[in-house]
Amino acid sequence: MSFIAQQQFPNSVKIVEVGPRDGLQNEKTLIDADDKLRLIDMLANSGLSYVESGSFVSPKWVPQMATSSEIFDKLNKVSGVTYAALTPNMKGFEAAMAVNVDEVAIFGAASESFSQKNINCSIDESLARFAPIMVAAKGKGIKVRGYVSCVVGCPYEGDIAPQAVASVAKKLLDMGCYEISLGDTIGVGTPASVSAMLDAVLAVVPAEKLAVHFHDTYGQALTNIYTALSKGIRVIDSAVAGLGGCPYAKGASGNVATEDVVYMLNGIGIESGVNFDKLLEAGWFISDKLNRAPISKVSQAMRAKLEQ
């Protein structure tokens, strides 16, 4: 009997590559449009079928995303690859539509404190602001993905009740989001807390509508992904080279590295469709542009091995 059959894991998963958006937006070294385009091309050509490529937010608040319109305007799109963008309001959505973005994402939080401190409104008020986007997207046949932040812990109020996460996830689903990505924003989750959270969400949202988005601040991301896989979740968010440090923990890792995720998936026989060697090259490319080593143990080990 195979390892997958023994563990009741899915045979294949989809990786949502968030490095060019969620990763780079937290990097202090500004990357120019040409280098971002090169990175996105390398990721798409590695076999990744979904690349979050930009965000239509105010460049005053997120300078790294100021080139998003240029990026989407110049993309050399690979057939079968979705190039998505975050659109926090109607102005952002309209800007995304002007450059033919394939798909958009909106976001909520499971923490009232996080919502108030980040966007100065309650969770319900934040979700209500997305109603016009949902209507406009439906009219244009554009799919909308939903994000939920702070699904395990919050930098302001500590532990988050699983039922609070389930409530927000269900509201996003009811609004029309085709998929809900559950984000451990500060990376404090463990298999036990993640399992409890997922059980609550799975009671109201089916597994095929869920994705997981773990940060590796405390080194738990891979074990938490393993936990999610065991519950039938088949979509994993990750960032090449571990781009994007955690803004709430100085010097800490941010998004789980795509290289580490693919290495683990390969090791347990779960298909991702990703060419590992090409993925490594993409991570080394952007890490060199940032003038630092990748935040991926697998990537560092493989590069050291090649340089011996």
C-alpha atoms as a PDB file:
ATOM      1  CA  MET A   1       0.000   0.000   0.000  1.00  0.00           C
ATOM      2  CA  SER A   2       1.344   3.460  -0.914  1.00  0.00           C
ATOM      3  CA  PHE A   3       2.197   6.122   1.638  1.00  0.00           C
ATOM      4  CA  ILE A   4      -0.651   8.322   0.362  1.00  0.00           C
ATOM      5  CA  ALA A   5      -3.192   5.523   0.673  1.00  0.00           C
ATOM      6  CA  GLN A   6      -2.054   4.793   4.215  1.00  0.00           C
ATOM      7  CA  GLN A   7      -2.353   8.454   5.217  1.00  0.00           C
ATOM      8  CA  GLN A   8      -5.504   9.213   3.180  1.00  0.00           C
ATOM      9  CA  PHE A   9      -3.860  12.196   1.499  1.00  0.00           C
ATOM     10  CA  PRO A  10      -4.954  13.658  -1.846  1.00  0.00           C
ATOM     11  CA  ASN A  11      -3.052  12.329  -4.870  1.00  0.00           C
ATOM     12  CA  SER A  12      -2.361  15.842  -6.150  1.00  0.00           C
ATOM     13  CA  VAL A  13      -2.466  19.445  -4.964  1.00  0.00           C
ATOM     14  CA  LYS A  14      -2.475  22.902  -6.501  1.00  0.00           C
ATOM     15  CA  ILE A  15       0.143  25.363  -5.315  1.00  0.00           C
ATOM     16  CA  VAL A  16      -0.847  29.017  -5.318  1.00  0.00           C
ATOM     17  CA  GLU A  17       2.398  30.946  -5.739  1.00  0.00           C
ATOM     18  CA  VAL A  18       2.138  34.214  -3.791  1.00  0.00           C
ATOM     19  CA  GLY A  19       5.784  35.313  -3.922  1.00  0.00           C
ATOM     20  CA  PRO A  20       5.481  38.111  -6.500  1.00  0.00           C
ATOM     21  CA  ARG A  21       2.707  39.770  -4.454  1.00  0.00           C
ATOM     22  CA  ASP A  22       2.392  38.702  -0.824  1.00  0.00           C
ATOM     23  CA  GLY A  23       6.088  37.898  -0.661  1.00  0.00           C
ATOM     24  CA  LEU A  24       7.630  40.901  -2.369  1.00  0.00           C
ATOM     25  CA  GLN A  25       5.299  43.420  -0.723  1.00  0.00           C
ATOM     26  CA  ASN A  26       7.039  42.736   2.599  1.00  0.00           C
ATOM     27  CA  GLU A  27      10.558  42.957   1.150  1.00  0.00           C
ATOM     28  CA  LYS A  28      12.275  46.300   1.753  1.00  0.00           C
ATOM     29  CA  THR A  29      14.522  46.071  -1.319  1.00  0.00           C
ATOM     30  CA  LEU A  30      12.502  47.417  -4.248  1.00  0.00           C
ATOM     31  CA  ILE A  31      12.439  45.115  -7.263  1.00  0.00           C
ATOM     32  CA  ASP A  32      11.915  46.733 -10.665  1.00  0.00           C
ATOM     33  CA  ALA A  33       9.227  45.688 -13.128  1.00  0.00           C
ATOM     34  CA  ASP A  34      11.576  43.841 -15.471  1.00  0.00           C
ATOM     35  CA  ASP A  35      12.914  41.644 -12.691  1.00  0.00           C
ATOM     36  CA  LYS A  36       9.405  40.945 -11.414  1.00  0.00           C
ATOM     37  CA  LEU A  37       8.353  39.958 -14.922  1.00  0.00           C
ATOM     38  CA  ARG A  38      11.351  37.657 -15.194  1.00  0.00           C
ATOM     39  CA  LEU A  39      10.466  36.059 -11.848  1.00  0.00           C
ATOM     40  CA  ILE A  40       6.827  35.540 -12.846  1.00  0.00           C
ATOM     41  CA  ASP A  41       7.928  34.005 -16.162  1.00  0.00           C
ATOM     42  CA  MET A  42      10.274  31.611 -14.379  1.00  0.00           C
ATOM     43  CA  LEU A  43       7.551  30.587 -11.933  1.00  0.00           C
ATOM     44  CA  ALA A  44       4.973  30.014 -14.673  1.00  0.00           C
ATOM     45  CA  ASN A  45       7.479  27.997 -16.681  1.00  0.00           C
ATOM     46  CA  SER A  46       8.281  25.828 -13.661  1.00  0.00           C
ATOM     47  CA  GLY A  47       4.811  24.313 -13.859  1.00  0.00           C
ATOM     48  CA  LEU A  48       3.025  26.456 -11.281  1.00  0.00           C
ATOM     49  CA  SER A  49      -0.523  27.004 -12.516  1.00  0.00           C
ATOM     50  CA  TYR A  50      -1.410  29.995 -10.344  1.00  0.00           C
ATOM     51  CA  VAL A  51       0.808  33.039  -9.755  1.00  0.00           C
ATOM     52  CA  GLU A  52      -0.379  35.960  -7.655  1.00  0.00           C
ATOM     53  CA  SER A  53       1.421  38.631  -9.639  1.00  0.00           C
ATOM     54  CA  GLY A  54       0.487  41.986  -8.122  1.00  0.00           C
ATOM     55  CA  SER A  55      -1.773  44.099  -5.966  1.00  0.00           C
ATOM     56  CA  PHE A  56      -3.796  47.174  -6.854  1.00  0.00           C
ATOM     57  CA  VAL A  57      -3.319  49.149  -3.673  1.00  0.00           C
ATOM     58  CA  SER A  58      -2.056  52.650  -2.998  1.00  0.00           C
ATOM     59  CA  PRO A  59       1.688  52.822  -3.781  1.00  0.00           C
ATOM     60  CA  LYS A  60       1.926  55.195  -0.829  1.00  0.00           C
ATOM     61  CA  TRP A  61       1.211  52.276   1.508  1.00  0.00           C
ATOM     62  CA  VAL A  62       2.784  49.434  -0.498  1.00  0.00           C
ATOM     63  CA  PRO A  63       5.574  50.889  -2.700  1.00  0.00           C
ATOM     64  CA  GLN A  64       6.651  47.445  -3.930  1.00  0.00           C
ATOM     65  CA  MET A  65       3.297  47.043  -5.707  1.00  0.00           C
ATOM     66  CA  ALA A  66       3.449  50.371  -7.572  1.00  0.00           C
ATOM     67  CA  THR A  67       4.419  48.549 -10.786  1.00  0.00           C
ATOM     68  CA  SER A  68       1.425  46.177 -10.815  1.00  0.00           C
ATOM     69  CA  SER A  69      -0.317  47.777 -13.805  1.00  0.00           C
ATOM     70  CA  GLU A  70       2.923  47.646 -15.791  1.00  0.00           C
ATOM     71  CA  ILE A  71       3.473  44.030 -14.783  1.00  0.00           C
ATOM     72  CA  PHE A  72       0.076  42.854 -16.006  1.00  0.00           C
ATOM     73  CA  ASP A  73       0.317  44.951 -19.138  1.00  0.00           C
ATOM     74  CA  LYS A  74       3.618  43.295 -20.128  1.00  0.00           C
ATOM     75  CA  LEU A  75       3.078  39.702 -18.968  1.00  0.00           C
ATOM     76  CA  ASN A  76       3.975  36.937 -21.403  1.00  0.00           C
ATOM     77  CA  LYS A  77       1.105  34.720 -20.324  1.00  0.00           C
ATOM     78  CA  VAL A  78       1.623  30.976 -20.347  1.00  0.00           C
ATOM     79  CA  SER A  79      -1.423  28.952 -21.366  1.00  0.00           C
ATOM     80  CA  GLY A  80      -3.079  27.288 -18.384  1.00  0.00           C
ATOM     81  CA  VAL A  81      -1.593  29.674 -15.826  1.00  0.00           C
ATOM     82  CA  THR A  82      -3.795  32.031 -13.807  1.00  0.00           C
ATOM     83  CA  TYR A  83      -2.263  35.454 -13.142  1.00  0.00           C
ATOM     84  CA  ALA A  84      -4.104  36.970 -10.185  1.00  0.00           C
ATOM     85  CA  ALA A  85      -4.072  40.210  -8.208  1.00  0.00           C
ATOM     86  CA  LEU A  86      -5.269  41.478  -4.852  1.00  0.00           C
ATOM     87  CA  THR A  87      -7.952  44.184  -5.170  1.00  0.00           C
ATOM     88  CA  PRO A  88      -8.963  45.712  -1.817  1.00  0.00           C
ATOM     89  CA  ASN A  89     -11.549  48.136  -3.239  1.00  0.00           C
ATOM     90  CA  MET A  90     -13.453  49.076  -6.398  1.00  0.00           C
ATOM     91  CA  LYS A  91     -10.718  51.441  -7.538  1.00  0.00           C
ATOM     92  CA  GLY A  92      -8.259  48.555  -7.378  1.00  0.00           C
ATOM     93  CA  PHE A  93     -10.673  46.207  -9.126  1.00  0.00           C
ATOM     94  CA  GLU A  94     -11.193  48.668 -11.979  1.00  0.00           C
ATOM     95  CA  ALA A  95      -7.431  49.120 -12.341  1.00  0.00           C
ATOM     96  CA  ALA A  96      -7.024  45.333 -12.460  1.00  0.00           C
ATOM     97  CA  MET A  97      -9.685  44.987 -15.147  1.00  0.00           C
ATOM     98  CA  ALA A  98      -7.974  47.672 -17.231  1.00  0.00           C
ATOM     99  CA  VAL A  99      -4.920  45.406 -17.601  1.00  0.00           C
ATOM    100  CA  ASN A 100      -6.828  42.124 -18.031  1.00  0.00           C
ATOM    101  CA  VAL A 101      -6.119  40.454 -14.698  1.00  0.00           C
ATOM    102  CA  ASP A 102      -7.338  36.828 -14.822  1.00  0.00           C
ATOM    103  CA  GLU A 103      -8.648  36.636 -11.276  1.00  0.00           C
ATOM    104  CA  VAL A 104      -8.842  38.830  -8.171  1.00  0.00           C
ATOM    105  CA  ALA A 105      -8.647  38.321  -4.425  1.00  0.00           C
ATOM    106  CA  ILE A 106     -10.242  40.076  -1.456  1.00  0.00           C
ATOM    107  CA  PHE A 107      -9.408  39.689   2.219  1.00  0.00           C
ATOM    108  CA  GLY A 108     -10.984  39.616   5.652  1.00  0.00           C
ATOM    109  CA  ALA A 109      -9.661  38.833   9.116  1.00  0.00           C
ATOM    110  CA  ALA A 110     -10.783  36.478  11.850  1.00  0.00           C
ATOM    111  CA  SER A 111      -9.605  38.995  14.460  1.00  0.00           C
ATOM    112  CA  GLU A 112     -11.613  42.129  15.258  1.00  0.00           C
ATOM    113  CA  SER A 113      -8.496  43.819  16.661  1.00  0.00           C
ATOM    114  CA  PHE A 114      -6.505  43.094  13.503  1.00  0.00           C
ATOM    115  CA  SER A 115      -9.318  44.453  11.330  1.00  0.00           C
ATOM    116  CA  GLN A 116      -9.659  47.629  13.387  1.00  0.00           C
ATOM    117  CA  LYS A 117      -5.924  48.340  13.549  1.00  0.00           C
ATOM    118  CA  ASN A 118      -5.259  47.598   9.873  1.00  0.00           C
ATOM    119  CA  ILE A 119      -8.292  49.039   8.086  1.00  0.00           C
ATOM    120  CA  ASN A 120     -10.115  50.868  10.896  1.00  0.00           C
ATOM    121  CA  CYS A 121     -13.386  48.959  10.701  1.00  0.00           C
ATOM    122  CA  SER A 122     -15.040  45.807  12.011  1.00  0.00           C
ATOM    123  CA  ILE A 123     -14.848  42.452  10.255  1.00  0.00           C
ATOM    124  CA  ASP A 124     -18.425  42.733   9.016  1.00  0.00           C
ATOM    125  CA  GLU A 125     -17.849  46.290   7.791  1.00  0.00           C
ATOM    126  CA  SER A 126     -14.725  45.186   5.931  1.00  0.00           C
ATOM    127  CA  LEU A 127     -16.603  42.401   4.179  1.00  0.00           C
ATOM    128  CA  ALA A 128     -19.468  44.729   3.268  1.00  0.00           C
ATOM    129  CA  ARG A 129     -16.985  46.939   1.424  1.00  0.00           C
ATOM    130  CA  PHE A 130     -16.338  44.073  -0.972  1.00  0.00           C
ATOM    131  CA  ALA A 131     -19.969  43.763  -2.083  1.00  0.00           C
ATOM    132  CA  PRO A 132     -19.492  46.081  -5.115  1.00  0.00           C
ATOM    133  CA  ILE A 133     -16.430  44.078  -6.204  1.00  0.00           C
ATOM    134  CA  MET A 134     -18.375  40.837  -6.024  1.00  0.00           C
ATOM    135  CA  VAL A 135     -21.186  42.295  -8.150  1.00  0.00           C
ATOM    136  CA  ALA A 136     -18.764  43.749 -10.709  1.00  0.00           C
ATOM    137  CA  ALA A 137     -16.697  40.558 -10.872  1.00  0.00           C
ATOM    138  CA  LYS A 138     -19.779  38.425 -11.437  1.00  0.00           C
ATOM    139  CA  GLY A 139     -20.865  40.736 -14.241  1.00  0.00           C
ATOM    140  CA  LYS A 140     -17.491  40.311 -15.948  1.00  0.00           C
ATOM    141  CA  GLY A 141     -17.162  36.591 -15.307  1.00  0.00           C
ATOM    142  CA  ILE A 142     -14.126  37.137 -13.061  1.00  0.00           C
ATOM    143  CA  LYS A 143     -13.500  34.652 -10.257  1.00  0.00           C
ATOM    144  CA  VAL A 144     -12.872  36.015  -6.756  1.00  0.00           C
ATOM    145  CA  ARG A 145     -10.695  34.312  -4.164  1.00  0.00           C
ATOM    146  CA  GLY A 146     -11.091  35.174  -0.476  1.00  0.00           C
ATOM    147  CA  TYR A 147      -8.383  35.431   2.170  1.00  0.00           C
ATOM    148  CA  VAL A 148      -8.887  35.177   5.917  1.00  0.00           C
ATOM    149  CA  SER A 149      -6.048  36.561   8.060  1.00  0.00           C
ATOM    150  CA  CYS A 150      -5.140  35.581  11.627  1.00  0.00           C
ATOM    151  CA  VAL A 151      -6.818  32.177  11.562  1.00  0.00           C
ATOM    152  CA  VAL A 152      -4.875  30.855  14.549  1.00  0.00           C
ATOM    153  CA  GLY A 153      -3.414  33.878  16.314  1.00  0.00           C
ATOM    154  CA  CYS A 154      -3.397  37.668  16.185  1.00  0.00           C
ATOM    155  CA  PRO A 155      -0.509  40.018  17.048  1.00  0.00           C
ATOM    156  CA  TYR A 156      -2.934  42.148  19.092  1.00  0.00           C
ATOM    157  CA  GLU A 157      -5.320  39.755  20.835  1.00  0.00           C
ATOM    158  CA  GLY A 158      -3.531  36.400  20.916  1.00  0.00           C
ATOM    159  CA  ASP A 159      -5.353  33.130  20.212  1.00  0.00           C
ATOM    160  CA  ILE A 160      -8.300  33.209  17.815  1.00  0.00           C
ATOM    161  CA  ALA A 161     -11.350  31.026  18.393  1.00  0.00           C
ATOM    162  CA  PRO A 162     -11.863  28.447  15.607  1.00  0.00           C
ATOM    163  CA  GLN A 163     -15.533  29.444  15.363  1.00  0.00           C
ATOM    164  CA  ALA A 164     -14.533  33.019  14.533  1.00  0.00           C
ATOM    165  CA  VAL A 165     -12.552  31.719  11.562  1.00  0.00           C
ATOM    166  CA  ALA A 166     -15.411  29.501  10.446  1.00  0.00           C
ATOM    167  CA  SER A 167     -17.803  32.455  10.569  1.00  0.00           C
ATOM    168  CA  VAL A 168     -15.665  34.678   8.328  1.00  0.00           C
ATOM    169  CA  ALA A 169     -14.862  31.845   5.914  1.00  0.00           C
ATOM    170  CA  LYS A 170     -18.563  31.035   5.529  1.00  0.00           C
ATOM    171  CA  LYS A 171     -19.414  34.702   4.916  1.00  0.00           C
ATOM    172  CA  LEU A 172     -16.801  34.924   2.150  1.00  0.00           C
ATOM    173  CA  LEU A 173     -18.161  31.744   0.585  1.00  0.00           C
ATOM    174  CA  ASP A 174     -21.721  33.077   0.757  1.00  0.00           C
ATOM    175  CA  MET A 175     -20.578  36.345  -0.848  1.00  0.00           C
ATOM    176  CA  GLY A 176     -19.451  34.377  -3.888  1.00  0.00           C
ATOM    177  CA  CYS A 177     -15.762  33.618  -3.325  1.00  0.00           C
ATOM    178  CA  TYR A 178     -14.991  30.326  -5.075  1.00  0.00           C
ATOM    179  CA  GLU A 179     -12.125  29.517  -2.691  1.00  0.00           C
ATOM    180  CA  ILE A 180     -11.169  30.646   0.801  1.00  0.00           C
ATOM    181  CA  SER A 181      -7.491  30.786   1.790  1.00  0.00           C
ATOM    182  CA  LEU A 182      -6.948  30.420   5.533  1.00  0.00           C
ATOM    183  CA  GLY A 183      -3.905  32.411   6.609  1.00  0.00           C
ATOM    184  CA  ASP A 184      -1.807  31.967   9.746  1.00  0.00           C
ATOM    185  CA  THR A 185      -0.537  35.532   9.436  1.00  0.00           C
ATOM    186  CA  ILE A 186       1.948  35.434  12.313  1.00  0.00           C
ATOM    187  CA  GLY A 187       2.895  31.774  11.974  1.00  0.00           C
ATOM    188  CA  VAL A 188       1.983  30.695  15.512  1.00  0.00           C
ATOM    189  CA  GLY A 189      -0.083  27.655  14.524  1.00  0.00           C
ATOM    190  CA  THR A 190       0.792  24.110  15.539  1.00  0.00           C
ATOM    191  CA  PRO A 191      -0.799  20.878  14.305  1.00  0.00           C
ATOM    192  CA  ALA A 192      -3.148  20.891  17.303  1.00  0.00           C
ATOM    193  CA  SER A 193      -4.389  24.482  16.910  1.00  0.00           C
ATOM    194  CA  VAL A 194      -4.544  24.186  13.123  1.00  0.00           C
ATOM    195  CA  SER A 195      -6.476  20.933  13.362  1.00  0.00           C
ATOM    196  CA  ALA A 196      -9.047  22.516  15.686  1.00  0.00           C
ATOM    197  CA  MET A 197      -9.408  25.525  13.406  1.00  0.00           C
ATOM    198  CA  LEU A 198      -9.796  23.403  10.274  1.00  0.00           C
ATOM    199  CA  ASP A 199     -12.388  21.162  11.907  1.00  0.00           C
ATOM    200  CA  ALA A 200     -14.497  24.230  12.703  1.00  0.00           C
ATOM    201  CA  VAL A 201     -14.183  25.636   9.186  1.00  0.00           C
ATOM    202  CA  LEU A 202     -14.801  22.274   7.498  1.00  0.00           C
ATOM    203  CA  ALA A 203     -18.095  22.038   9.346  1.00  0.00           C
ATOM    204  CA  VAL A 204     -19.409  24.982   7.288  1.00  0.00           C
ATOM    205  CA  VAL A 205     -17.157  25.118   4.188  1.00  0.00           C
ATOM    206  CA  PRO A 206     -16.283  22.000   2.127  1.00  0.00           C
ATOM    207  CA  ALA A 207     -12.619  21.028   1.758  1.00  0.00           C
ATOM    208  CA  GLU A 208     -12.683  21.601  -2.015  1.00  0.00           C
ATOM    209  CA  LYS A 209     -13.411  25.289  -1.338  1.00  0.00           C
ATOM    210  CA  LEU A 210     -10.468  25.769   1.028  1.00  0.00           C
ATOM    211  CA  ALA A 211      -6.774  26.570   0.784  1.00  0.00           C
ATOM    212  CA  VAL A 212      -4.148  27.045   3.491  1.00  0.00           C
ATOM    213  CA  HIS A 213      -1.641  29.870   3.767  1.00  0.00           C
ATOM    214  CA  PHE A 214       0.936  29.274   6.488  1.00  0.00           C
ATOM    215  CA  HIS A 215       3.781  31.493   7.583  1.00  0.00           C
ATOM    216  CA  ASP A 216       6.886  29.851   8.983  1.00  0.00           C
ATOM    217  CA  THR A 217       7.695  32.309  11.776  1.00  0.00           C
ATOM    218  CA  TYR A 218       7.990  29.517  14.360  1.00  0.00           C
ATOM    219  CA  GLY A 219       9.073  26.792  11.938  1.00  0.00           C
ATOM    220  CA  GLN A 220       5.695  25.045  11.941  1.00  0.00           C
ATOM    221  CA  ALA A 221       4.449  25.698   8.403  1.00  0.00           C
ATOM    222  CA  LEU A 222       5.264  22.313   6.862  1.00  0.00           C
ATOM    223  CA  THR A 223       3.779  20.348   9.747  1.00  0.00           C
ATOM    224  CA  ASN A 224       0.670  22.515   9.536  1.00  0.00           C
ATOM    225  CA  ILE A 225       0.397  21.895   5.779  1.00  0.00           C
ATOM    226  CA  TYR A 226       0.752  18.171   6.490  1.00  0.00           C
ATOM    227  CA  THR A 227      -2.141  18.470   8.925  1.00  0.00           C
ATOM    228  CA  ALA A 228      -4.281  20.240   6.312  1.00  0.00           C
ATOM    229  CA  LEU A 229      -3.482  17.595   3.699  1.00  0.00           C
ATOM    230  CA  SER A 230      -4.640  14.887   6.091  1.00  0.00           C
ATOM    231  CA  LYS A 231      -8.021  16.632   6.221  1.00  0.00           C
ATOM    232  CA  GLY A 232      -8.424  16.610   2.443  1.00  0.00           C
ATOM    233  CA  ILE A 233      -7.356  20.161   1.626  1.00  0.00           C
ATOM    234  CA  ARG A 234      -5.744  20.275  -1.815  1.00  0.00           C
ATOM    235  CA  VAL A 235      -4.633  23.891  -2.295  1.00  0.00           C
ATOM    236  CA  ILE A 236      -1.501  25.329  -0.669  1.00  0.00           C
ATOM    237  CA  ASP A 237      -0.310  28.941  -0.780  1.00  0.00           C
ATOM    238  CA  SER A 238       3.458  29.452  -0.691  1.00  0.00           C
ATOM    239  CA  ALA A 239       6.143  31.900  -1.792  1.00  0.00           C
ATOM    240  CA  VAL A 240       9.247  31.042  -3.774  1.00  0.00           C
ATOM    241  CA  ALA A 241      12.436  31.450  -1.698  1.00  0.00           C
ATOM    242  CA  GLY A 242      10.253  32.145   1.341  1.00  0.00           C
ATOM    243  CA  LEU A 243       9.778  35.748   0.205  1.00  0.00           C
ATOM    244  CA  GLY A 244       8.258  38.160   2.692  1.00  0.00           C
ATOM    245  CA  GLY A 245       9.442  38.304   6.266  1.00  0.00           C
ATOM    246  CA  CYS A 246       6.825  38.413   8.992  1.00  0.00           C
ATOM    247  CA  PRO A 247       6.093  42.122   9.653  1.00  0.00           C
ATOM    248  CA  TYR A 248       5.062  41.339  13.252  1.00  0.00           C
ATOM    249  CA  ALA A 249       8.238  39.492  14.250  1.00  0.00           C
ATOM    250  CA  LYS A 250      11.471  41.260  13.352  1.00  0.00           C
ATOM    251  CA  GLY A 251      13.829  39.077  11.322  1.00  0.00           C
ATOM    252  CA  ALA A 252      11.451  36.126  11.264  1.00  0.00           C
ATOM    253  CA  SER A 253      10.507  33.998   8.295  1.00  0.00           C
ATOM    254  CA  GLY A 254       7.360  34.923   6.441  1.00  0.00           C
ATOM    255  CA  ASN A 255       5.550  32.771   3.898  1.00  0.00           C
ATOM    256  CA  VAL A 256       6.463  29.110   3.753  1.00  0.00           C
ATOM    257  CA  ALA A 257       8.902  28.558   0.884  1.00  0.00           C
ATOM    258  CA  THR A 258       7.500  26.902  -2.241  1.00  0.00           C
ATOM    259  CA  GLU A 259      10.729  24.886  -2.587  1.00  0.00           C
ATOM    260  CA  ASP A 260      10.259  23.386   0.888  1.00  0.00           C
ATOM    261  CA  VAL A 261       6.618  22.570   0.155  1.00  0.00           C
ATOM    262  CA  VAL A 262       7.403  20.873  -3.170  1.00  0.00           C
ATOM    263  CA  TYR A 263      10.274  18.888  -1.623  1.00  0.00           C
ATOM    264  CA  MET A 264       7.909  17.579   1.060  1.00  0.00           C
ATOM    265  CA  LEU A 265       5.167  16.784  -1.470  1.00  0.00           C
ATOM    266  CA  ASN A 266       7.636  14.947  -3.681  1.00  0.00           C
ATOM    267  CA  GLY A 267       8.816  12.970  -0.680  1.00  0.00           C
ATOM    268  CA  ILE A 268       5.343  11.669   0.165  1.00  0.00           C
ATOM    269  CA  GLY A 269       4.297  11.106  -3.433  1.00  0.00           C
ATOM    270  CA  ILE A 270       1.789  13.946  -3.878  1.00  0.00           C
ATOM    271  CA  GLU A 271       1.832  15.452  -7.372  1.00  0.00           C
ATOM    272  CA  SER A 272       2.112  19.254  -7.702  1.00  0.00           C
ATOM    273  CA  GLY A 273       3.027  19.566 -11.381  1.00  0.00           C
ATOM    274  CA  VAL A 274       6.089  21.647 -10.488  1.00  0.00           C
ATOM    275  CA  ASN A 275       9.529  21.130 -12.019  1.00  0.00           C
ATOM    276  CA  PHE A 276      11.701  21.288  -8.909  1.00  0.00           C
ATOM    277  CA  ASP A 277      14.902  22.341 -10.698  1.00  0.00           C
ATOM    278  CA  LYS A 278      13.194  25.242 -12.474  1.00  0.00           C
ATOM    279  CA  LEU A 279      11.578  26.320  -9.216  1.00  0.00           C
ATOM    280  CA  LEU A 280      14.971  26.386  -7.501  1.00  0.00           C
ATOM    281  CA  GLU A 281      16.347  28.592 -10.285  1.00  0.00           C
ATOM    282  CA  ALA A 282      13.481  31.065  -9.837  1.00  0.00           C
ATOM    283  CA  GLY A 283      14.181  31.262  -6.113  1.00  0.00           C
ATOM    284  CA  TRP A 284      17.891  31.801  -6.629  1.00  0.00           C
ATOM    285  CA  PHE A 285      17.179  34.491  -9.220  1.00  0.00           C
ATOM    286  CA  ILE A 286      15.011  36.629  -6.940  1.00  0.00           C
ATOM    287  CA  SER A 287      17.189  36.001  -3.872  1.00  0.00           C
ATOM    288  CA  ASP A 288      20.218  37.283  -5.769  1.00  0.00           C
ATOM    289  CA  LYS A 289      18.243  40.399  -6.722  1.00  0.00           C
ATOM    290  CA  LEU A 290      17.461  40.913  -3.028  1.00  0.00           C
ATOM    291  CA  ASN A 291      21.128  40.300  -2.221  1.00  0.00           C
ATOM    292  CA  ARG A 292      20.462  37.589   0.337  1.00  0.00           C
ATOM    293  CA  ALA A 293      20.132  33.839   0.658  1.00  0.00           C
ATOM    294  CA  PRO A 294      16.731  32.251   0.080  1.00  0.00           C
ATOM    295  CA  ILE A 295      14.637  31.740   3.209  1.00  0.00           C
ATOM    296  CA  SER A 296      14.267  28.087   2.263  1.00  0.00           C
ATOM    297  CA  LYS A 297      16.320  25.347   3.840  1.00  0.00           C
ATOM    298  CA  VAL A 298      15.846  23.110   0.814  1.00  0.00           C
ATOM    299  CA  SER A 299      16.980  25.838  -1.565  1.00  0.00           C
ATOM    300  CA  GLN A 300      20.032  26.658   0.541  1.00  0.00           C
ATOM    301  CA  ALA A 301      20.989  23.004   0.795  1.00  0.00           C
ATOM    302  CA  MET A 302      20.605  22.394  -2.938  1.00  0.00           C
ATOM    303  CA  ARG A 303      22.652  25.468  -3.846  1.00  0.00           C
ATOM    304  CA  ALA A 304      25.424  24.511  -1.442  1.00  0.00           C
ATOM    305  CA  LYS A 305      25.464  21.036  -2.947  1.00  0.00           C
ATOM    306  CA  LEU A 306      25.832  22.433  -6.467  1.00  0.00           C
ATOM    307  CA  GLU A 307      28.649  24.749  -5.386  1.00  0.00           C
ATOM    308  CA  GLN A 308      30.737  21.999  -3.786  1.00  0.00           C
END
